[in-house]
């Protein structure tokens, strides 16, 4: 499984997959995290103890994902979230 580090600001030093969260909407971030996990919405939902419909709502932007759910995804899929002040 690949490991990812997520940065809130760009990192030119690291040669690993990174994502500047400031450039994305929450719905896009959820979809990217799911795609990194290489899972369908249904599989992703089951691993988060959610219904597939919840993932559809998150990715469609009709429901806002909470920070606690984003952190749960990060822990589950070994994604590191780092906030860095400019």
C-alpha atoms as a PDB file:
ATOM      1  CA  UNK A   1       0.000   0.000   0.000  1.00  0.00           C
ATOM      2  CA  UNK A   2       1.282   3.459  -0.892  1.00  0.00           C
ATOM      3  CA  UNK A   3       1.755   6.027   1.822  1.00  0.00           C
ATOM      4  CA  UNK A   4       0.757   9.616   1.226  1.00  0.00           C
ATOM      5  CA  UNK A   5       1.551  12.871   2.952  1.00  0.00           C
ATOM      6  CA  UNK A   6      -1.023  15.622   2.578  1.00  0.00           C
ATOM      7  CA  UNK A   7       0.196  19.194   2.843  1.00  0.00           C
ATOM      8  CA  UNK A   8      -1.824  22.361   3.268  1.00  0.00           C
ATOM      9  CA  UNK A   9       0.905  24.190   1.367  1.00  0.00           C
ATOM     10  CA  UNK A  10       3.078  23.026  -1.480  1.00  0.00           C
ATOM     11  CA  UNK A  11       6.206  20.998  -0.916  1.00  0.00           C
ATOM     12  CA  UNK A  12       8.803  20.983  -3.666  1.00  0.00           C
ATOM     13  CA  UNK A  13      11.336  19.112  -1.556  1.00  0.00           C
ATOM     14  CA  UNK A  14       9.427  15.858  -1.201  1.00  0.00           C
ATOM     15  CA  UNK A  15       9.110  13.490  -4.112  1.00  0.00           C
ATOM     16  CA  UNK A  16       5.971  11.749  -2.861  1.00  0.00           C
ATOM     17  CA  UNK A  17       2.316  12.108  -3.832  1.00  0.00           C
ATOM     18  CA  UNK A  18       1.063  15.303  -2.205  1.00  0.00           C
ATOM     19  CA  UNK A  19      -2.123  17.293  -2.279  1.00  0.00           C
ATOM     20  CA  UNK A  20      -2.502  20.959  -1.369  1.00  0.00           C
ATOM     21  CA  UNK A  21      -5.899  20.830   0.326  1.00  0.00           C
ATOM     22  CA  UNK A  22      -6.439  24.582  -0.032  1.00  0.00           C
ATOM     23  CA  UNK A  23      -6.892  24.051  -3.767  1.00  0.00           C
ATOM     24  CA  UNK A  24      -9.787  21.577  -3.406  1.00  0.00           C
ATOM     25  CA  UNK A  25     -13.375  21.443  -2.234  1.00  0.00           C
ATOM     26  CA  UNK A  26     -14.189  18.919   0.524  1.00  0.00           C
ATOM     27  CA  UNK A  27     -16.120  16.778  -1.977  1.00  0.00           C
ATOM     28  CA  UNK A  28     -13.017  16.537  -4.180  1.00  0.00           C
ATOM     29  CA  UNK A  29     -10.808  15.598  -1.234  1.00  0.00           C
ATOM     30  CA  UNK A  30     -13.102  12.716  -0.271  1.00  0.00           C
ATOM     31  CA  UNK A  31     -13.058  11.397  -3.828  1.00  0.00           C
ATOM     32  CA  UNK A  32      -9.263  11.681  -4.046  1.00  0.00           C
ATOM     33  CA  UNK A  33      -8.823   9.839  -0.743  1.00  0.00           C
ATOM     34  CA  UNK A  34     -11.208   7.115  -1.932  1.00  0.00           C
ATOM     35  CA  UNK A  35      -9.415   6.792  -5.252  1.00  0.00           C
ATOM     36  CA  UNK A  36      -6.063   6.559  -3.439  1.00  0.00           C
ATOM     37  CA  UNK A  37      -7.534   3.660  -1.473  1.00  0.00           C
ATOM     38  CA  UNK A  38      -8.437   2.007  -4.807  1.00  0.00           C
ATOM     39  CA  UNK A  39     -11.938   1.230  -3.564  1.00  0.00           C
ATOM     40  CA  UNK A  40     -15.445   1.689  -4.831  1.00  0.00           C
ATOM     41  CA  UNK A  41     -17.810   3.970  -2.942  1.00  0.00           C
ATOM     42  CA  UNK A  42     -19.450   0.885  -1.434  1.00  0.00           C
ATOM     43  CA  UNK A  43     -16.168  -0.641  -0.238  1.00  0.00           C
ATOM     44  CA  UNK A  44     -14.949   2.695   1.094  1.00  0.00           C
ATOM     45  CA  UNK A  45     -18.219   3.218   2.965  1.00  0.00           C
ATOM     46  CA  UNK A  46     -18.091  -0.211   4.577  1.00  0.00           C
ATOM     47  CA  UNK A  47     -14.563   0.391   5.880  1.00  0.00           C
ATOM     48  CA  UNK A  48     -15.755   3.679   7.429  1.00  0.00           C
ATOM     49  CA  UNK A  49     -18.902   2.086   8.884  1.00  0.00           C
ATOM     50  CA  UNK A  50     -21.004   4.309   6.636  1.00  0.00           C
ATOM     51  CA  UNK A  51     -23.538   3.629   3.911  1.00  0.00           C
ATOM     52  CA  UNK A  52     -22.510   4.013   0.280  1.00  0.00           C
ATOM     53  CA  UNK A  53     -25.108   6.776   0.023  1.00  0.00           C
ATOM     54  CA  UNK A  54     -23.115   8.829   2.549  1.00  0.00           C
ATOM     55  CA  UNK A  55     -20.016   8.626   0.362  1.00  0.00           C
ATOM     56  CA  UNK A  56     -22.118   9.611  -2.648  1.00  0.00           C
ATOM     57  CA  UNK A  57     -23.377  12.647  -0.736  1.00  0.00           C
ATOM     58  CA  UNK A  58     -19.842  13.611   0.357  1.00  0.00           C
ATOM     59  CA  UNK A  59     -18.485  13.307  -3.172  1.00  0.00           C
ATOM     60  CA  UNK A  60     -21.510  15.047  -4.658  1.00  0.00           C
ATOM     61  CA  UNK A  61     -21.220  17.954  -2.253  1.00  0.00           C
ATOM     62  CA  UNK A  62     -24.739  17.572  -0.869  1.00  0.00           C
ATOM     63  CA  UNK A  63     -23.388  16.676   2.581  1.00  0.00           C
ATOM     64  CA  UNK A  64     -20.308  18.145   4.255  1.00  0.00           C
ATOM     65  CA  UNK A  65     -17.777  15.693   5.596  1.00  0.00           C
ATOM     66  CA  UNK A  66     -16.612  16.380   9.136  1.00  0.00           C
ATOM     67  CA  UNK A  67     -13.012  16.836  10.157  1.00  0.00           C
ATOM     68  CA  UNK A  68     -13.322  13.800  12.416  1.00  0.00           C
ATOM     69  CA  UNK A  69     -14.318  11.663   9.409  1.00  0.00           C
ATOM     70  CA  UNK A  70     -11.403  13.012   7.373  1.00  0.00           C
ATOM     71  CA  UNK A  71      -9.069  12.122  10.243  1.00  0.00           C
ATOM     72  CA  UNK A  72     -10.620   8.656  10.452  1.00  0.00           C
ATOM     73  CA  UNK A  73      -9.967   8.161   6.728  1.00  0.00           C
ATOM     74  CA  UNK A  74      -6.387   9.375   7.171  1.00  0.00           C
ATOM     75  CA  UNK A  75      -5.721   6.920   9.990  1.00  0.00           C
ATOM     76  CA  UNK A  76      -7.406   4.027   8.208  1.00  0.00           C
ATOM     77  CA  UNK A  77      -5.488   4.515   4.953  1.00  0.00           C
ATOM     78  CA  UNK A  78      -2.153   5.683   6.374  1.00  0.00           C
ATOM     79  CA  UNK A  79      -2.491   9.227   5.026  1.00  0.00           C
ATOM     80  CA  UNK A  80      -0.514  11.838   6.920  1.00  0.00           C
ATOM     81  CA  UNK A  81      -2.114  15.287   7.255  1.00  0.00           C
ATOM     82  CA  UNK A  82       0.269  18.124   8.049  1.00  0.00           C
ATOM     83  CA  UNK A  83      -0.788  21.736   8.530  1.00  0.00           C
ATOM     84  CA  UNK A  84       1.959  24.271   7.926  1.00  0.00           C
ATOM     85  CA  UNK A  85       1.776  28.002   8.433  1.00  0.00           C
ATOM     86  CA  UNK A  86       3.134  30.103   5.580  1.00  0.00           C
END
